Amino acid sequence: MNTKNTPAAPVVRIEDLTVRYPGGTVAANGLDLHIPSGRSSPLSGNPGPASRP
């Protein structure tokens, strides 16, 4: 049971994420993301080589 004084446990929890592409380009460094149950959060950005056919 969750009350207003107790935060919901995150459904998505990412801590200290680093994304580095071959060649050394850093796309993210030290990223923390917590999305609690019942909430949504869009993520967007420029498409990179990994998302192209």
PDB file of N, CA and C in Angstrom:
ATOM      1  N   MET A   1       0.841  -1.190   0.000  1.00  0.00           N
ATOM      2  CA  MET A   1       0.000   0.000   0.000  1.00  0.00           C
ATOM      3  C   MET A   1       0.879   1.244   0.000  1.00  0.00           C
ATOM      4  N   ASN A   2       0.500   2.205  -0.796  1.00  0.00           N
ATOM      5  CA  ASN A   2       1.289   3.427  -0.911  1.00  0.00           C
ATOM      6  C   ASN A   2       0.488   4.601  -0.363  1.00  0.00           C
ATOM      7  N   THR A   3       1.128   5.445   0.418  1.00  0.00           N
ATOM      8  CA  THR A   3       0.476   6.648   0.924  1.00  0.00           C
ATOM      9  C   THR A   3       1.150   7.864   0.312  1.00  0.00           C
ATOM     10  N   LYS A   4       0.578   9.035   0.537  1.00  0.00           N
ATOM     11  CA  LYS A   4       1.168  10.258  -0.017  1.00  0.00           C
ATOM     12  C   LYS A   4       2.557  10.524   0.543  1.00  0.00           C
ATOM     13  N   ASN A   5       2.856  10.015   1.724  1.00  0.00           N
ATOM     14  CA  ASN A   5       4.159  10.255   2.351  1.00  0.00           C
ATOM     15  C   ASN A   5       5.210   9.233   1.940  1.00  0.00           C
ATOM     16  N   THR A   6       4.790   8.164   1.243  1.00  0.00           N
ATOM     17  CA  THR A   6       5.717   7.128   0.830  1.00  0.00           C
ATOM     18  C   THR A   6       5.780   7.093  -0.688  1.00  0.00           C
ATOM     19  N   PRO A   7       6.923   7.426  -1.286  1.00  0.00           N
ATOM     20  CA  PRO A   7       7.010   7.418  -2.749  1.00  0.00           C
ATOM     21  C   PRO A   7       6.900   6.001  -3.296  1.00  0.00           C
ATOM     22  N   ALA A   8       6.293   5.873  -4.479  1.00  0.00           N
ATOM     23  CA  ALA A   8       6.175   4.576  -5.134  1.00  0.00           C
ATOM     24  C   ALA A   8       7.550   4.082  -5.550  1.00  0.00           C
ATOM     25  N   ALA A   9       7.726   2.781  -5.513  1.00  0.00           N
ATOM     26  CA  ALA A   9       8.975   2.199  -5.969  1.00  0.00           C
ATOM     27  C   ALA A   9       9.082   2.405  -7.473  1.00  0.00           C
ATOM     28  N   PRO A  10      10.253   2.750  -7.969  1.00  0.00           N
ATOM     29  CA  PRO A  10      10.383   2.982  -9.402  1.00  0.00           C
ATOM     30  C   PRO A  10      10.165   1.703 -10.203  1.00  0.00           C
ATOM     31  N   VAL A  11       9.485   1.833 -11.324  1.00  0.00           N
ATOM     32  CA  VAL A  11       9.334   0.719 -12.246  1.00  0.00           C
ATOM     33  C   VAL A  11      10.573   0.668 -13.140  1.00  0.00           C
ATOM     34  N   VAL A  12      11.071   1.849 -13.501  1.00  0.00           N
ATOM     35  CA  VAL A  12      12.314   1.954 -14.263  1.00  0.00           C
ATOM     36  C   VAL A  12      13.311   2.715 -13.408  1.00  0.00           C
ATOM     37  N   ARG A  13      14.482   2.129 -13.249  1.00  0.00           N
ATOM     38  CA  ARG A  13      15.523   2.803 -12.463  1.00  0.00           C
ATOM     39  C   ARG A  13      16.861   2.567 -13.152  1.00  0.00           C
ATOM     40  N   ILE A  14      17.446   3.642 -13.617  1.00  0.00           N
ATOM     41  CA  ILE A  14      18.769   3.593 -14.243  1.00  0.00           C
ATOM     42  C   ILE A  14      19.644   4.559 -13.468  1.00  0.00           C
ATOM     43  N   GLU A  15      20.804   4.093 -13.070  1.00  0.00           N
ATOM     44  CA  GLU A  15      21.706   4.958 -12.305  1.00  0.00           C
ATOM     45  C   GLU A  15      23.102   4.935 -12.915  1.00  0.00           C
ATOM     46  N   ASP A  16      23.674   6.112 -13.061  1.00  0.00           N
ATOM     47  CA  ASP A  16      25.054   6.303 -13.511  1.00  0.00           C
ATOM     48  C   ASP A  16      25.312   5.655 -14.873  1.00  0.00           C
ATOM     49  N   LEU A  17      24.374   5.838 -15.806  1.00  0.00           N
ATOM     50  CA  LEU A  17      24.505   5.286 -17.154  1.00  0.00           C
ATOM     51  C   LEU A  17      25.481   6.105 -17.974  1.00  0.00           C
ATOM     52  N   THR A  18      26.386   5.424 -18.651  1.00  0.00           N
ATOM     53  CA  THR A  18      27.284   6.058 -19.601  1.00  0.00           C
ATOM     54  C   THR A  18      27.149   5.331 -20.923  1.00  0.00           C
ATOM     55  N   VAL A  19      26.963   6.083 -21.999  1.00  0.00           N
ATOM     56  CA  VAL A  19      26.900   5.520 -23.348  1.00  0.00           C
ATOM     57  C   VAL A  19      28.051   6.112 -24.137  1.00  0.00           C
ATOM     58  N   ARG A  20      28.901   5.228 -24.634  1.00  0.00           N
ATOM     59  CA  ARG A  20      30.067   5.666 -25.405  1.00  0.00           C
ATOM     60  C   ARG A  20      30.079   4.886 -26.713  1.00  0.00           C
ATOM     61  N   TYR A  21      30.160   5.599 -27.829  1.00  0.00           N
ATOM     62  CA  TYR A  21      30.198   4.973 -29.146  1.00  0.00           C
ATOM     63  C   TYR A  21      31.621   4.594 -29.510  1.00  0.00           C
ATOM     64  N   PRO A  22      31.765   3.627 -30.420  1.00  0.00           N
ATOM     65  CA  PRO A  22      33.111   3.315 -30.917  1.00  0.00           C
ATOM     66  C   PRO A  22      33.763   4.599 -31.449  1.00  0.00           C
ATOM     67  N   GLY A  23      34.998   4.777 -31.131  1.00  0.00           N
ATOM     68  CA  GLY A  23      35.680   6.012 -31.517  1.00  0.00           C
ATOM     69  C   GLY A  23      35.759   6.987 -30.356  1.00  0.00           C
ATOM     70  N   GLY A  24      35.009   6.703 -29.260  1.00  0.00           N
ATOM     71  CA  GLY A  24      35.136   7.505 -28.050  1.00  0.00           C
ATOM     72  C   GLY A  24      34.092   8.577 -27.821  1.00  0.00           C
ATOM     73  N   THR A  25      33.164   8.813 -28.760  1.00  0.00           N
ATOM     74  CA  THR A  25      32.130   9.832 -28.553  1.00  0.00           C
ATOM     75  C   THR A  25      31.228   9.416 -27.405  1.00  0.00           C
ATOM     76  N   VAL A  26      31.051  10.298 -26.423  1.00  0.00           N
ATOM     77  CA  VAL A  26      30.196  10.024 -25.263  1.00  0.00           C
ATOM     78  C   VAL A  26      28.829  10.646 -25.508  1.00  0.00           C
ATOM     79  N   ALA A  27      27.787   9.806 -25.505  1.00  0.00           N
ATOM     80  CA  ALA A  27      26.420  10.282 -25.732  1.00  0.00           C
ATOM     81  C   ALA A  27      25.726  10.609 -24.416  1.00  0.00           C
ATOM     82  N   ALA A  28      26.077   9.929 -23.353  1.00  0.00           N
ATOM     83  CA  ALA A  28      25.521  10.179 -22.017  1.00  0.00           C
ATOM     84  C   ALA A  28      26.590   9.817 -21.006  1.00  0.00           C
ATOM     85  N   ASN A  29      26.633  10.570 -19.907  1.00  0.00           N
ATOM     86  CA  ASN A  29      27.626  10.312 -18.879  1.00  0.00           C
ATOM     87  C   ASN A  29      27.022  10.603 -17.514  1.00  0.00           C
ATOM     88  N   GLY A  30      26.881   9.575 -16.689  1.00  0.00           N
ATOM     89  CA  GLY A  30      26.368   9.755 -15.335  1.00  0.00           C
ATOM     90  C   GLY A  30      24.869   9.994 -15.286  1.00  0.00           C
ATOM     91  N   LEU A  31      24.120   9.471 -16.245  1.00  0.00           N
ATOM     92  CA  LEU A  31      22.674   9.690 -16.319  1.00  0.00           C
ATOM     93  C   LEU A  31      21.938   8.851 -15.285  1.00  0.00           C
ATOM     94  N   ASP A  32      21.049   9.485 -14.520  1.00  0.00           N
ATOM     95  CA  ASP A  32      20.149   8.795 -13.592  1.00  0.00           C
ATOM     96  C   ASP A  32      18.724   9.020 -14.075  1.00  0.00           C
ATOM     97  N   LEU A  33      17.925   7.960 -14.095  1.00  0.00           N
ATOM     98  CA  LEU A  33      16.532   8.052 -14.515  1.00  0.00           C
ATOM     99  C   LEU A  33      15.703   7.156 -13.614  1.00  0.00           C
ATOM    100  N   HIS A  34      14.714   7.744 -12.941  1.00  0.00           N
ATOM    101  CA  HIS A  34      13.796   6.992 -12.091  1.00  0.00           C
ATOM    102  C   HIS A  34      12.386   7.351 -12.522  1.00  0.00           C
ATOM    103  N   ILE A  35      11.615   6.358 -12.958  1.00  0.00           N
ATOM    104  CA  ILE A  35      10.229   6.571 -13.356  1.00  0.00           C
ATOM    105  C   ILE A  35       9.362   5.742 -12.416  1.00  0.00           C
ATOM    106  N   PRO A  36       8.563   6.384 -11.547  1.00  0.00           N
ATOM    107  CA  PRO A  36       7.750   5.644 -10.592  1.00  0.00           C
ATOM    108  C   PRO A  36       6.556   4.966 -11.256  1.00  0.00           C
ATOM    109  N   SER A  37       6.015   3.997 -10.575  1.00  0.00           N
ATOM    110  CA  SER A  37       4.831   3.280 -11.039  1.00  0.00           C
ATOM    111  C   SER A  37       3.700   4.271 -11.312  1.00  0.00           C
ATOM    112  N   GLY A  38       3.011   4.084 -12.439  1.00  0.00           N
ATOM    113  CA  GLY A  38       1.890   4.942 -12.768  1.00  0.00           C
ATOM    114  C   GLY A  38       2.263   6.218 -13.504  1.00  0.00           C
ATOM    115  N   ARG A  39       3.528   6.456 -13.736  1.00  0.00           N
ATOM    116  CA  ARG A  39       3.985   7.668 -14.436  1.00  0.00           C
ATOM    117  C   ARG A  39       4.622   7.255 -15.752  1.00  0.00           C
ATOM    118  N   SER A  40       4.662   8.187 -16.682  1.00  0.00           N
ATOM    119  CA  SER A  40       5.358   7.942 -17.938  1.00  0.00           C
ATOM    120  C   SER A  40       6.272   9.121 -18.213  1.00  0.00           C
ATOM    121  N   SER A  41       7.287   8.871 -19.004  1.00  0.00           N
ATOM    122  CA  SER A  41       8.243   9.909 -19.322  1.00  0.00           C
ATOM    123  C   SER A  41       8.794   9.652 -20.711  1.00  0.00           C
ATOM    124  N   PRO A  42       8.519  10.537 -21.665  1.00  0.00           N
ATOM    125  CA  PRO A  42       9.076  10.328 -23.008  1.00  0.00           C
ATOM    126  C   PRO A  42      10.552  10.692 -23.043  1.00  0.00           C
ATOM    127  N   LEU A  43      11.283   9.965 -23.811  1.00  0.00           N
ATOM    128  CA  LEU A  43      12.692  10.274 -24.044  1.00  0.00           C
ATOM    129  C   LEU A  43      12.843  10.500 -25.536  1.00  0.00           C
ATOM    130  N   SER A  44      13.520  11.557 -25.901  1.00  0.00           N
ATOM    131  CA  SER A  44      13.711  11.823 -27.324  1.00  0.00           C
ATOM    132  C   SER A  44      15.096  12.392 -27.554  1.00  0.00           C
ATOM    133  N   GLY A  45      15.491  12.321 -28.765  1.00  0.00           N
ATOM    134  CA  GLY A  45      16.780  12.866 -29.138  1.00  0.00           C
ATOM    135  C   GLY A  45      16.999  12.672 -30.621  1.00  0.00           C
ATOM    136  N   ASN A  46      18.117  13.139 -31.098  1.00  0.00           N
ATOM    137  CA  ASN A  46      18.423  12.971 -32.501  1.00  0.00           C
ATOM    138  C   ASN A  46      18.702  11.501 -32.792  1.00  0.00           C
ATOM    139  N   PRO A  47      18.183  10.999 -33.916  1.00  0.00           N
ATOM    140  CA  PRO A  47      18.488   9.615 -34.265  1.00  0.00           C
ATOM    141  C   PRO A  47      19.974   9.471 -34.571  1.00  0.00           C
ATOM    142  N   GLY A  48      20.530   8.398 -34.133  1.00  0.00           N
ATOM    143  CA  GLY A  48      21.940   8.146 -34.382  1.00  0.00           C
ATOM    144  C   GLY A  48      22.113   6.966 -35.318  1.00  0.00           C
ATOM    145  N   PRO A  49      23.334   6.589 -35.563  1.00  0.00           N
ATOM    146  CA  PRO A  49      23.601   5.488 -36.482  1.00  0.00           C
ATOM    147  C   PRO A  49      22.926   4.176 -36.074  1.00  0.00           C
ATOM    148  N   ALA A  50      22.787   3.927 -34.785  1.00  0.00           N
ATOM    149  CA  ALA A  50      22.180   2.671 -34.324  1.00  0.00           C
ATOM    150  C   ALA A  50      20.696   2.584 -34.663  1.00  0.00           C
ATOM    151  N   SER A  51      20.022   3.702 -34.881  1.00  0.00           N
ATOM    152  CA  SER A  51      18.589   3.684 -35.163  1.00  0.00           C
ATOM    153  C   SER A  51      18.275   3.720 -36.653  1.00  0.00           C
ATOM    154  N   ARG A  52      19.301   3.766 -37.473  1.00  0.00           N
ATOM    155  CA  ARG A  52      19.085   3.817 -38.930  1.00  0.00           C
ATOM    156  C   ARG A  52      19.229   2.411 -39.509  1.00  0.00           C
ATOM    157  N   PRO A  53      18.380   2.081 -40.500  1.00  0.00           N
ATOM    158  CA  PRO A  53      18.477   0.743 -41.116  1.00  0.00           C
ATOM    159  C   PRO A  53      19.764   0.549 -41.893  1.00  0.00           C
TER     160      PRO A  53
END
